[in-house]
C-alpha atoms as a PDB file:
ATOM      1  CA  MET A   1      46.140  85.915  75.005  1.00  0.00           C
ATOM      2  CA  GLN A   2      42.831  85.134  76.713  1.00  0.00           C
ATOM      3  CA  TRP A   3      41.330  83.954  73.425  1.00  0.00           C
ATOM      4  CA  PHE A   4      44.328  81.721  72.891  1.00  0.00           C
ATOM      5  CA  LEU A   5      44.013  80.167  76.347  1.00  0.00           C
ATOM      6  CA  LEU A   6      40.299  79.558  75.908  1.00  0.00           C
ATOM      7  CA  ARG A   7      40.821  78.019  72.488  1.00  0.00           C
ATOM      8  CA  ARG A   8      43.643  75.773  73.686  1.00  0.00           C
ATOM      9  CA  LEU A   9      41.713  74.695  76.777  1.00  0.00           C
ATOM     10  CA  TRP A  10      38.754  73.790  74.583  1.00  0.00           C
ATOM     11  CA  GLN A  11      41.005  71.840  72.215  1.00  0.00           C
ATOM     12  CA  SER A  12      42.627  70.086  75.163  1.00  0.00           C
ATOM     13  CA  LEU A  13      39.219  69.097  76.528  1.00  0.00           C
ATOM     14  CA  VAL A  14      38.190  67.649  73.155  1.00  0.00           C
ATOM     15  CA  VAL A  15      41.447  65.683  72.959  1.00  0.00           C
ATOM     16  CA  ILE A  16      41.023  64.267  76.464  1.00  0.00           C
ATOM     17  CA  VAL A  17      37.414  63.252  75.811  1.00  0.00           C
ATOM     18  CA  GLY A  18      38.471  61.571  72.577  1.00  0.00           C
ATOM     19  CA  ILE A  19      41.223  59.698  74.399  1.00  0.00           C
ATOM     20  CA  THR A  20      38.802  58.455  77.057  1.00  0.00           C
ATOM     21  CA  VAL A  21      36.516  57.045  74.360  1.00  0.00           C
ATOM     22  CA  ILE A  22      39.364  55.339  72.474  1.00  0.00           C
ATOM     23  CA  VAL A  23      40.951  53.910  75.618  1.00  0.00           C
ATOM     24  CA  PHE A  24      37.624  52.674  76.936  1.00  0.00           C
ATOM     25  CA  LEU A  25      36.815  50.833  73.696  1.00  0.00           C
ATOM     26  CA  MET A  26      40.318  49.415  73.195  1.00  0.00           C
ATOM     27  CA  VAL A  27      40.552  48.120  76.756  1.00  0.00           C
ATOM     28  CA  HIS A  28      37.167  46.396  76.527  1.00  0.00           C
ATOM     29  CA  LEU A  29      38.257  44.629  73.347  1.00  0.00           C
ATOM     30  CA  SER A  30      41.244  43.019  75.112  1.00  0.00           C
ATOM     31  CA  GLY A  31      39.281  40.269  76.834  1.00  0.00           C
ATOM     32  CA  ASP A  32      37.149  39.362  79.826  1.00  0.00           C
ATOM     33  CA  PRO A  33      38.790  40.303  83.154  1.00  0.00           C
ATOM     34  CA  VAL A  34      36.182  38.427  85.182  1.00  0.00           C
ATOM     35  CA  ARG A  35      37.606  35.049  84.145  1.00  0.00           C
ATOM     36  CA  LEU A  36      40.981  36.112  85.561  1.00  0.00           C
ATOM     37  CA  MET A  37      39.436  37.048  88.883  1.00  0.00           C
ATOM     38  CA  VAL A  38      37.522  33.855  89.616  1.00  0.00           C
ATOM     39  CA  PRO A  39      39.132  30.590  90.785  1.00  0.00           C
ATOM     40  CA  ALA A  40      39.704  27.790  88.315  1.00  0.00           C
ATOM     41  CA  ASP A  41      36.785  25.742  89.709  1.00  0.00           C
ATOM     42  CA  ALA A  42      34.258  28.608  89.460  1.00  0.00           C
ATOM     43  CA  THR A  43      30.970  27.777  87.790  1.00  0.00           C
ATOM     44  CA  GLN A  44      29.394  29.783  84.995  1.00  0.00           C
ATOM     45  CA  ALA A  45      26.809  31.011  87.481  1.00  0.00           C
ATOM     46  CA  ASP A  46      29.583  32.417  89.689  1.00  0.00           C
ATOM     47  CA  ILE A  47      31.142  34.153  86.673  1.00  0.00           C
ATOM     48  CA  ASP A  48      27.819  35.651  85.594  1.00  0.00           C
ATOM     49  CA  LEU A  49      27.112  36.881  89.123  1.00  0.00           C
ATOM     50  CA  LEU A  50      30.498  38.605  89.446  1.00  0.00           C
ATOM     51  CA  ARG A  51      30.140  40.154  85.986  1.00  0.00           C
ATOM     52  CA  ALA A  52      26.751  41.560  86.972  1.00  0.00           C
ATOM     53  CA  GLN A  53      28.137  42.933  90.265  1.00  0.00           C
ATOM     54  CA  LEU A  54      30.947  44.710  88.405  1.00  0.00           C
ATOM     55  CA  GLY A  55      28.534  46.157  85.852  1.00  0.00           C
ATOM     56  CA  TYR A  56      30.061  44.425  82.824  1.00  0.00           C
ATOM     57  CA  ASN A  57      26.644  43.200  81.666  1.00  0.00           C
ATOM     58  CA  ASP A  58      25.541  46.759  80.945  1.00  0.00           C
ATOM     59  CA  PRO A  59      25.796  48.093  77.379  1.00  0.00           C
ATOM     60  CA  LEU A  60      29.131  49.707  76.511  1.00  0.00           C
ATOM     61  CA  TYR A  61      27.679  53.195  76.298  1.00  0.00           C
ATOM     62  CA  VAL A  62      26.238  52.818  79.813  1.00  0.00           C
ATOM     63  CA  GLN A  63      29.617  51.660  81.112  1.00  0.00           C
ATOM     64  CA  TYR A  64      31.340  54.595  79.380  1.00  0.00           C
ATOM     65  CA  VAL A  65      28.920  57.144  80.820  1.00  0.00           C
ATOM     66  CA  ARG A  66      29.546  55.672  84.257  1.00  0.00           C
ATOM     67  CA  PHE A  67      33.304  55.820  83.663  1.00  0.00           C
ATOM     68  CA  ALA A  68      33.216  59.412  82.344  1.00  0.00           C
ATOM     69  CA  GLY A  69      30.994  60.528  85.215  1.00  0.00           C
ATOM     70  CA  GLY A  70      33.510  59.145  87.679  1.00  0.00           C
ATOM     71  CA  LEU A  71      36.359  61.002  85.943  1.00  0.00           C
ATOM     72  CA  VAL A  72      34.522  64.307  86.360  1.00  0.00           C
ATOM     73  CA  HIS A  73      34.460  63.696  90.110  1.00  0.00           C
ATOM     74  CA  GLY A  74      38.055  62.437  90.245  1.00  0.00           C
ATOM     75  CA  ASP A  75      37.008  58.789  90.512  1.00  0.00           C
ATOM     76  CA  PHE A  76      39.003  56.630  88.081  1.00  0.00           C
ATOM     77  CA  GLY A  77      37.386  53.423  89.284  1.00  0.00           C
ATOM     78  CA  THR A  78      38.553  50.601  91.506  1.00  0.00           C
ATOM     79  CA  SER A  79      41.438  48.368  90.509  1.00  0.00           C
ATOM     80  CA  LEU A  80      40.287  44.799  89.926  1.00  0.00           C
ATOM     81  CA  ARG A  81      43.678  43.393  90.906  1.00  0.00           C
ATOM     82  CA  PHE A  82      44.470  45.463  93.993  1.00  0.00           C
ATOM     83  CA  GLN A  83      40.873  46.082  95.091  1.00  0.00           C
ATOM     84  CA  ALA A  84      41.719  49.731  95.745  1.00  0.00           C
ATOM     85  CA  PRO A  85      40.936  53.060  94.042  1.00  0.00           C
ATOM     86  CA  ALA A  86      42.933  53.314  90.812  1.00  0.00           C
ATOM     87  CA  LEU A  87      43.996  56.959  91.125  1.00  0.00           C
ATOM     88  CA  PRO A  88      45.852  56.620  94.469  1.00  0.00           C
ATOM     89  CA  LEU A  89      47.672  53.565  93.092  1.00  0.00           C
ATOM     90  CA  LEU A  90      48.789  55.628  90.098  1.00  0.00           C
ATOM     91  CA  LEU A  91      49.810  58.634  92.180  1.00  0.00           C
ATOM     92  CA  GLU A  92      51.824  56.361  94.473  1.00  0.00           C
ATOM     93  CA  ARG A  93      53.962  55.266  91.496  1.00  0.00           C
ATOM     94  CA  LEU A  94      54.120  58.676  89.813  1.00  0.00           C
ATOM     95  CA  PRO A  95      57.123  60.073  91.790  1.00  0.00           C
ATOM     96  CA  ALA A  96      59.302  57.182  90.620  1.00  0.00           C
ATOM     97  CA  THR A  97      58.392  57.765  86.975  1.00  0.00           C
ATOM     98  CA  ALA A  98      58.801  61.541  87.341  1.00  0.00           C
ATOM     99  CA  GLN A  99      62.255  61.039  88.865  1.00  0.00           C
ATOM    100  CA  LEU A 100      63.325  58.757  86.028  1.00  0.00           C
ATOM    101  CA  ALA A 101      61.878  61.071  83.362  1.00  0.00           C
ATOM    102  CA  ALA A 102      63.527  64.166  84.866  1.00  0.00           C
ATOM    103  CA  ALA A 103      66.914  62.422  85.117  1.00  0.00           C
ATOM    104  CA  ALA A 104      66.690  61.143  81.534  1.00  0.00           C
ATOM    105  CA  LEU A 105      65.636  64.555  80.220  1.00  0.00           C
ATOM    106  CA  ALA A 106      68.408  66.360  82.117  1.00  0.00           C
ATOM    107  CA  LEU A 107      70.989  63.907  80.798  1.00  0.00           C
ATOM    108  CA  SER A 108      69.621  64.245  77.279  1.00  0.00           C
ATOM    109  CA  LEU A 109      69.772  68.059  77.380  1.00  0.00           C
ATOM    110  CA  ALA A 110      73.256  68.078  78.901  1.00  0.00           C
ATOM    111  CA  ILE A 111      74.579  66.028  75.988  1.00  0.00           C
ATOM    112  CA  ALA A 112      72.345  66.983  73.058  1.00  0.00           C
ATOM    113  CA  ILE A 113      72.510  70.788  73.232  1.00  0.00           C
ATOM    114  CA  PRO A 114      76.346  71.092  73.319  1.00  0.00           C
ATOM    115  CA  ALA A 115      76.663  68.339  70.702  1.00  0.00           C
ATOM    116  CA  GLY A 116      74.134  69.983  68.393  1.00  0.00           C
ATOM    117  CA  VAL A 117      75.668  73.439  68.781  1.00  0.00           C
ATOM    118  CA  LEU A 118      79.203  72.207  68.121  1.00  0.00           C
ATOM    119  CA  ALA A 119      78.036  70.184  65.126  1.00  0.00           C
ATOM    120  CA  ALA A 120      76.407  73.285  63.637  1.00  0.00           C
ATOM    121  CA  VAL A 121      79.308  75.626  64.363  1.00  0.00           C
ATOM    122  CA  TYR A 122      81.809  73.153  62.902  1.00  0.00           C
ATOM    123  CA  LYS A 123      79.591  72.020  60.049  1.00  0.00           C
ATOM    124  CA  ASP A 124      81.017  69.385  57.664  1.00  0.00           C
ATOM    125  CA  THR A 125      84.041  68.765  59.876  1.00  0.00           C
ATOM    126  CA  PRO A 126      84.999  65.460  61.539  1.00  0.00           C
ATOM    127  CA  LEU A 127      83.425  66.775  64.765  1.00  0.00           C
ATOM    128  CA  ASP A 128      80.102  67.312  62.978  1.00  0.00           C
ATOM    129  CA  LEU A 129      80.205  63.877  61.376  1.00  0.00           C
ATOM    130  CA  LEU A 130      81.123  62.196  64.664  1.00  0.00           C
ATOM    131  CA  ALA A 131      78.315  63.951  66.579  1.00  0.00           C
ATOM    132  CA  MET A 132      75.670  63.079  63.976  1.00  0.00           C
ATOM    133  CA  LEU A 133      76.911  59.492  63.738  1.00  0.00           C
ATOM    134  CA  ALA A 134      76.579  59.143  67.499  1.00  0.00           C
ATOM    135  CA  ALA A 135      73.095  60.683  67.323  1.00  0.00           C
ATOM    136  CA  LEU A 136      72.070  58.227  64.607  1.00  0.00           C
ATOM    137  CA  ILE A 137      73.371  55.274  66.607  1.00  0.00           C
ATOM    138  CA  GLY A 138      71.529  56.502  69.693  1.00  0.00           C
ATOM    139  CA  GLN A 139      68.245  56.650  67.785  1.00  0.00           C
ATOM    140  CA  SER A 140      68.790  53.224  66.233  1.00  0.00           C
ATOM    141  CA  ILE A 141      69.516  51.144  69.344  1.00  0.00           C
ATOM    142  CA  PRO A 142      66.386  49.488  70.824  1.00  0.00           C
ATOM    143  CA  GLY A 143      65.854  50.533  74.418  1.00  0.00           C
ATOM    144  CA  PHE A 144      65.263  47.036  75.749  1.00  0.00           C
ATOM    145  CA  TRP A 145      68.500  45.754  74.169  1.00  0.00           C
ATOM    146  CA  LEU A 146      70.542  48.690  75.452  1.00  0.00           C
ATOM    147  CA  GLY A 147      69.155  48.236  78.942  1.00  0.00           C
ATOM    148  CA  LEU A 148      70.050  44.560  78.993  1.00  0.00           C
ATOM    149  CA  MET A 149      73.571  45.258  77.687  1.00  0.00           C
ATOM    150  CA  LEU A 150      74.141  47.925  80.339  1.00  0.00           C
ATOM    151  CA  ILE A 151      72.993  45.512  83.031  1.00  0.00           C
ATOM    152  CA  LEU A 152      75.276  42.755  81.746  1.00  0.00           C
ATOM    153  CA  PHE A 153      78.328  45.018  81.559  1.00  0.00           C
ATOM    154  CA  PHE A 154      78.051  47.473  84.461  1.00  0.00           C
ATOM    155  CA  ALA A 155      76.059  45.339  86.916  1.00  0.00           C
ATOM    156  CA  VAL A 156      76.935  41.713  86.170  1.00  0.00           C
ATOM    157  CA  GLN A 157      80.498  41.922  84.783  1.00  0.00           C
ATOM    158  CA  LEU A 158      81.886  44.948  86.636  1.00  0.00           C
ATOM    159  CA  GLY A 159      79.545  44.965  89.625  1.00  0.00           C
ATOM    160  CA  TRP A 160      79.553  48.752  89.768  1.00  0.00           C
ATOM    161  CA  LEU A 161      75.797  49.347  89.732  1.00  0.00           C
ATOM    162  CA  PRO A 162      72.640  47.495  90.832  1.00  0.00           C
ATOM    163  CA  THR A 163      70.754  45.460  88.263  1.00  0.00           C
ATOM    164  CA  SER A 164      67.282  46.720  89.143  1.00  0.00           C
ATOM    165  CA  GLY A 165      65.018  48.368  91.692  1.00  0.00           C
ATOM    166  CA  ARG A 166      64.846  51.888  93.088  1.00  0.00           C
ATOM    167  CA  ASP A 167      67.023  52.424  96.124  1.00  0.00           C
ATOM    168  CA  GLY A 168      69.318  55.440  95.907  1.00  0.00           C
ATOM    169  CA  LEU A 169      70.908  57.364  93.060  1.00  0.00           C
ATOM    170  CA  ASP A 170      73.051  54.433  91.941  1.00  0.00           C
ATOM    171  CA  THR A 171      69.916  52.559  90.872  1.00  0.00           C
ATOM    172  CA  LEU A 172      68.865  55.556  88.759  1.00  0.00           C
ATOM    173  CA  ILE A 173      71.949  55.694  86.526  1.00  0.00           C
ATOM    174  CA  LEU A 174      71.371  52.732  84.198  1.00  0.00           C
ATOM    175  CA  PRO A 175      67.641  53.286  83.542  1.00  0.00           C
ATOM    176  CA  ALA A 176      68.195  57.031  83.028  1.00  0.00           C
ATOM    177  CA  VAL A 177      70.968  56.407  80.490  1.00  0.00           C
ATOM    178  CA  THR A 178      68.844  53.815  78.695  1.00  0.00           C
ATOM    179  CA  LEU A 179      65.814  56.079  78.517  1.00  0.00           C
ATOM    180  CA  ALA A 180      67.819  59.150  77.505  1.00  0.00           C
ATOM    181  CA  MET A 181      69.725  57.561  74.634  1.00  0.00           C
ATOM    182  CA  PHE A 182      67.039  57.776  71.953  1.00  0.00           C
ATOM    183  CA  TYR A 183      65.919  61.292  72.894  1.00  0.00           C
ATOM    184  CA  THR A 184      69.497  62.557  73.030  1.00  0.00           C
ATOM    185  CA  GLY A 185      70.135  61.594  69.424  1.00  0.00           C
ATOM    186  CA  ARG A 186      66.925  63.147  68.159  1.00  0.00           C
ATOM    187  CA  MET A 187      67.405  66.353  70.113  1.00  0.00           C
ATOM    188  CA  ALA A 188      71.028  66.754  69.006  1.00  0.00           C
ATOM    189  CA  ARG A 189      69.985  66.547  65.372  1.00  0.00           C
ATOM    190  CA  LEU A 190      67.221  69.092  65.929  1.00  0.00           C
ATOM    191  CA  VAL A 191      69.555  71.520  67.732  1.00  0.00           C
ATOM    192  CA  ARG A 192      72.044  71.276  64.865  1.00  0.00           C
ATOM    193  CA  SER A 193      69.351  71.921  62.259  1.00  0.00           C
ATOM    194  CA  SER A 194      67.907  74.872  64.186  1.00  0.00           C
ATOM    195  CA  MET A 195      71.333  76.402  64.729  1.00  0.00           C
ATOM    196  CA  LEU A 196      72.200  76.138  61.033  1.00  0.00           C
ATOM    197  CA  ASP A 197      69.017  78.085  60.238  1.00  0.00           C
ATOM    198  CA  VAL A 198      70.103  81.078  62.344  1.00  0.00           C
ATOM    199  CA  LEU A 199      73.907  81.105  62.217  1.00  0.00           C
ATOM    200  CA  TYR A 200      73.970  83.015  58.947  1.00  0.00           C
ATOM    201  CA  GLU A 201      71.177  85.479  59.700  1.00  0.00           C
ATOM    202  CA  ASP A 202      71.886  89.198  59.546  1.00  0.00           C
ATOM    203  CA  TYR A 203      71.617  89.769  63.297  1.00  0.00           C
ATOM    204  CA  VAL A 204      74.286  87.100  63.938  1.00  0.00           C
ATOM    205  CA  ARG A 205      76.596  88.743  61.393  1.00  0.00           C
ATOM    206  CA  THR A 206      75.933  92.111  63.039  1.00  0.00           C
ATOM    207  CA  ALA A 207      76.818  90.718  66.466  1.00  0.00           C
ATOM    208  CA  ARG A 208      80.093  89.395  65.083  1.00  0.00           C
ATOM    209  CA  ALA A 209      80.787  92.729  63.371  1.00  0.00           C
ATOM    210  CA  LYS A 210      80.453  94.470  66.736  1.00  0.00           C
ATOM    211  CA  GLY A 211      83.390  92.453  67.983  1.00  0.00           C
ATOM    212  CA  LEU A 212      81.487  90.288  70.447  1.00  0.00           C
ATOM    213  CA  PRO A 213      83.228  87.067  71.495  1.00  0.00           C
ATOM    214  CA  GLU A 214      82.159  84.087  69.405  1.00  0.00           C
ATOM    215  CA  TRP A 215      80.810  82.162  72.410  1.00  0.00           C
ATOM    216  CA  LEU A 216      78.598  85.132  73.298  1.00  0.00           C
ATOM    217  CA  VAL A 217      77.310  85.384  69.738  1.00  0.00           C
ATOM    218  CA  ILE A 218      76.468  81.688  69.762  1.00  0.00           C
ATOM    219  CA  ALA A 219      74.863  81.627  73.215  1.00  0.00           C
ATOM    220  CA  ARG A 220      72.981  84.933  73.284  1.00  0.00           C
ATOM    221  CA  HIS A 221      72.016  85.496  69.649  1.00  0.00           C
ATOM    222  CA  ALA A 222      72.089  82.182  67.803  1.00  0.00           C
ATOM    223  CA  LEU A 223      71.051  79.612  70.414  1.00  0.00           C
ATOM    224  CA  LYS A 224      68.290  81.750  71.894  1.00  0.00           C
ATOM    225  CA  ASN A 225      66.665  82.289  68.504  1.00  0.00           C
ATOM    226  CA  ALA A 226      67.080  78.626  67.605  1.00  0.00           C
ATOM    227  CA  SER A 227      65.418  77.473  70.827  1.00  0.00           C
ATOM    228  CA  LEU A 228      61.739  77.524  69.762  1.00  0.00           C
ATOM    229  CA  PRO A 229      61.730  74.138  68.017  1.00  0.00           C
ATOM    230  CA  VAL A 230      63.994  72.783  70.754  1.00  0.00           C
ATOM    231  CA  VAL A 231      61.539  73.863  73.462  1.00  0.00           C
ATOM    232  CA  THR A 232      58.748  72.206  71.485  1.00  0.00           C
ATOM    233  CA  ILE A 233      60.570  68.884  71.337  1.00  0.00           C
ATOM    234  CA  ILE A 234      61.529  69.147  75.023  1.00  0.00           C
ATOM    235  CA  GLY A 235      57.863  69.482  75.953  1.00  0.00           C
ATOM    236  CA  LEU A 236      56.874  66.572  73.735  1.00  0.00           C
ATOM    237  CA  GLU A 237      59.726  64.418  74.991  1.00  0.00           C
ATOM    238  CA  PHE A 238      59.011  65.080  78.648  1.00  0.00           C
ATOM    239  CA  GLY A 239      55.408  64.036  78.111  1.00  0.00           C
ATOM    240  CA  ALA A 240      56.608  60.976  76.225  1.00  0.00           C
ATOM    241  CA  LEU A 241      59.133  60.169  78.959  1.00  0.00           C
ATOM    242  CA  LEU A 242      56.417  60.284  81.594  1.00  0.00           C
ATOM    243  CA  SER A 243      54.062  58.062  79.642  1.00  0.00           C
ATOM    244  CA  GLY A 244      56.480  55.997  77.553  1.00  0.00           C
ATOM    245  CA  ALA A 245      58.972  54.600  80.041  1.00  0.00           C
ATOM    246  CA  VAL A 246      57.183  51.250  80.000  1.00  0.00           C
ATOM    247  CA  ILE A 247      60.030  49.229  78.467  1.00  0.00           C
ATOM    248  CA  THR A 248      62.763  50.809  80.579  1.00  0.00           C
ATOM    249  CA  GLU A 249      60.828  50.409  83.820  1.00  0.00           C
ATOM    250  CA  THR A 250      60.085  46.785  82.957  1.00  0.00           C
ATOM    251  CA  VAL A 251      63.716  45.950  82.136  1.00  0.00           C
ATOM    252  CA  PHE A 252      65.031  47.522  85.340  1.00  0.00           C
ATOM    253  CA  SER A 253      62.026  46.648  87.565  1.00  0.00           C
ATOM    254  CA  TRP A 254      61.654  50.365  88.240  1.00  0.00           C
ATOM    255  CA  PRO A 255      58.506  50.767  90.397  1.00  0.00           C
ATOM    256  CA  GLY A 256      56.900  53.488  88.306  1.00  0.00           C
ATOM    257  CA  VAL A 257      53.741  54.033  86.314  1.00  0.00           C
ATOM    258  CA  GLY A 258      55.120  52.162  83.296  1.00  0.00           C
ATOM    259  CA  LEU A 259      55.646  48.934  85.226  1.00  0.00           C
ATOM    260  CA  LEU A 260      52.257  49.379  86.857  1.00  0.00           C
ATOM    261  CA  ALA A 261      50.707  49.739  83.391  1.00  0.00           C
ATOM    262  CA  VAL A 262      52.323  46.510  82.191  1.00  0.00           C
ATOM    263  CA  ASN A 263      51.004  44.601  85.197  1.00  0.00           C
ATOM    264  CA  ALA A 264      47.552  46.126  84.752  1.00  0.00           C
ATOM    265  CA  VAL A 265      47.425  45.138  81.088  1.00  0.00           C
ATOM    266  CA  LEU A 266      48.533  41.567  81.818  1.00  0.00           C
ATOM    267  CA  ALA A 267      45.865  41.306  84.523  1.00  0.00           C
ATOM    268  CA  ARG A 268      43.250  42.963  82.289  1.00  0.00           C
ATOM    269  CA  ASP A 269      42.655  45.467  85.065  1.00  0.00           C
ATOM    270  CA  PHE A 270      40.342  47.759  83.069  1.00  0.00           C
ATOM    271  CA  PRO A 271      39.933  50.578  85.605  1.00  0.00           C
ATOM    272  CA  LEU A 272      43.661  50.795  86.333  1.00  0.00           C
ATOM    273  CA  VAL A 273      44.659  50.785  82.648  1.00  0.00           C
ATOM    274  CA  GLN A 274      42.082  53.460  81.897  1.00  0.00           C
ATOM    275  CA  ALA A 275      43.245  55.557  84.836  1.00  0.00           C
ATOM    276  CA  ILE A 276      46.901  55.385  83.758  1.00  0.00           C
ATOM    277  CA  VAL A 277      46.277  56.260  80.114  1.00  0.00           C
ATOM    278  CA  VAL A 278      43.815  59.072  80.806  1.00  0.00           C
ATOM    279  CA  PHE A 279      45.977  60.603  83.537  1.00  0.00           C
ATOM    280  CA  MET A 280      49.081  60.543  81.346  1.00  0.00           C
ATOM    281  CA  ALA A 281      47.097  62.039  78.465  1.00  0.00           C
ATOM    282  CA  ILE A 282      46.066  64.940  80.697  1.00  0.00           C
ATOM    283  CA  VAL A 283      49.694  65.467  81.757  1.00  0.00           C
ATOM    284  CA  PHE A 284      50.820  65.386  78.126  1.00  0.00           C
ATOM    285  CA  VAL A 285      48.202  67.955  77.088  1.00  0.00           C
ATOM    286  CA  LEU A 286      49.099  70.289  79.963  1.00  0.00           C
ATOM    287  CA  VAL A 287      52.820  70.082  79.166  1.00  0.00           C
ATOM    288  CA  ASN A 288      52.134  71.067  75.562  1.00  0.00           C
ATOM    289  CA  LEU A 289      49.973  73.976  76.700  1.00  0.00           C
ATOM    290  CA  LEU A 290      52.858  75.156  78.905  1.00  0.00           C
ATOM    291  CA  VAL A 291      55.227  74.942  75.934  1.00  0.00           C
ATOM    292  CA  ASP A 292      52.956  77.183  73.876  1.00  0.00           C
ATOM    293  CA  LEU A 293      52.947  79.755  76.673  1.00  0.00           C
ATOM    294  CA  LEU A 294      56.752  79.644  76.859  1.00  0.00           C
ATOM    295  CA  TYR A 295      56.901  80.807  73.242  1.00  0.00           C
ATOM    296  CA  LEU A 296      55.889  84.287  74.366  1.00  0.00           C
ATOM    297  CA  LYS A 297      58.841  84.437  76.736  1.00  0.00           C
ATOM    298  CA  LEU A 298      61.344  83.131  74.225  1.00  0.00           C
ATOM    299  CA  ASP A 299      60.199  85.229  71.258  1.00  0.00           C
ATOM    300  CA  PRO A 300      58.350  88.497  72.064  1.00  0.00           C
ATOM    301  CA  ARG A 301      57.429  88.811  68.388  1.00  0.00           C
ATOM    302  CA  ILE A 302      54.886  86.020  68.814  1.00  0.00           C
ATOM    303  CA  ARG A 303      51.386  87.247  69.507  1.00  0.00           C
ATOM    304  CA  TYR A 304      48.297  85.139  69.943  1.00  0.00           C
ATOM    305  CA  ALA A 305      45.141  86.610  68.496  1.00  0.00           C
ATOM    306  CA  PRO A 306      41.548  85.378  68.107  1.00  0.00           C
ATOM    307  CA  GLY A 307      40.874  83.189  65.111  1.00  0.00           C
END
């Protein structure tokens, strides 16, 4: 177990370092932020002076070393747009994104797991076909289009829900449904596939032979043993929900990290973009490490050994 943790921590560190390098290079290829910061009548001398003050005249490797050194000390740089430390700006928006991601994931699980289980139990029946058709439709609908349609119908036509913003649970419903739709379809298909792999195993037949109720056989013996791939996708999806809610937050003007990232990219705010991407990468890596540790709880047969 200790060898596994050390190996995974080392792998996670390598991944994070690689992400910092890629993000740093990609962001610096997007354009010159200094020209966005100066007034329209600024002279070339003013532009050169500001670029020198911000350190953009230094070679890229010098800028990266400075950036990486700041990360080690928890300094993600200063936002060019807000003129404030980037990390506090990110952390200020993080609760909104976490709330949206948690609501979308809870909604996705509440629908996908029962749908996948029923589709597997009633394989090749109209119920199975209907559930998989709904899952396919959910994966096929673009998130931005679905969000706009929900706004037009439930907010504009019916007037039941707000169109945007974050002010109470009613403002959470439409963005959570929009964000959950794609992940619900994918998870339902995975649950169905995993359940079909275990429903005809010997231990499930033995449980039925003992006279256990069918719901108990499904819940305790089949679903539990089919949960490993489901837990994996839950971990991946939660990380993706935290870092990938950009479109949904933009459509609904949800004041989270995704909307902050869009504004930072449009403003070419290098430090803020770097802070957002690196922070979300760290969260994603930690979530996946937690998923690996959960395997031991779900399946005691799993043992991690050196090598």
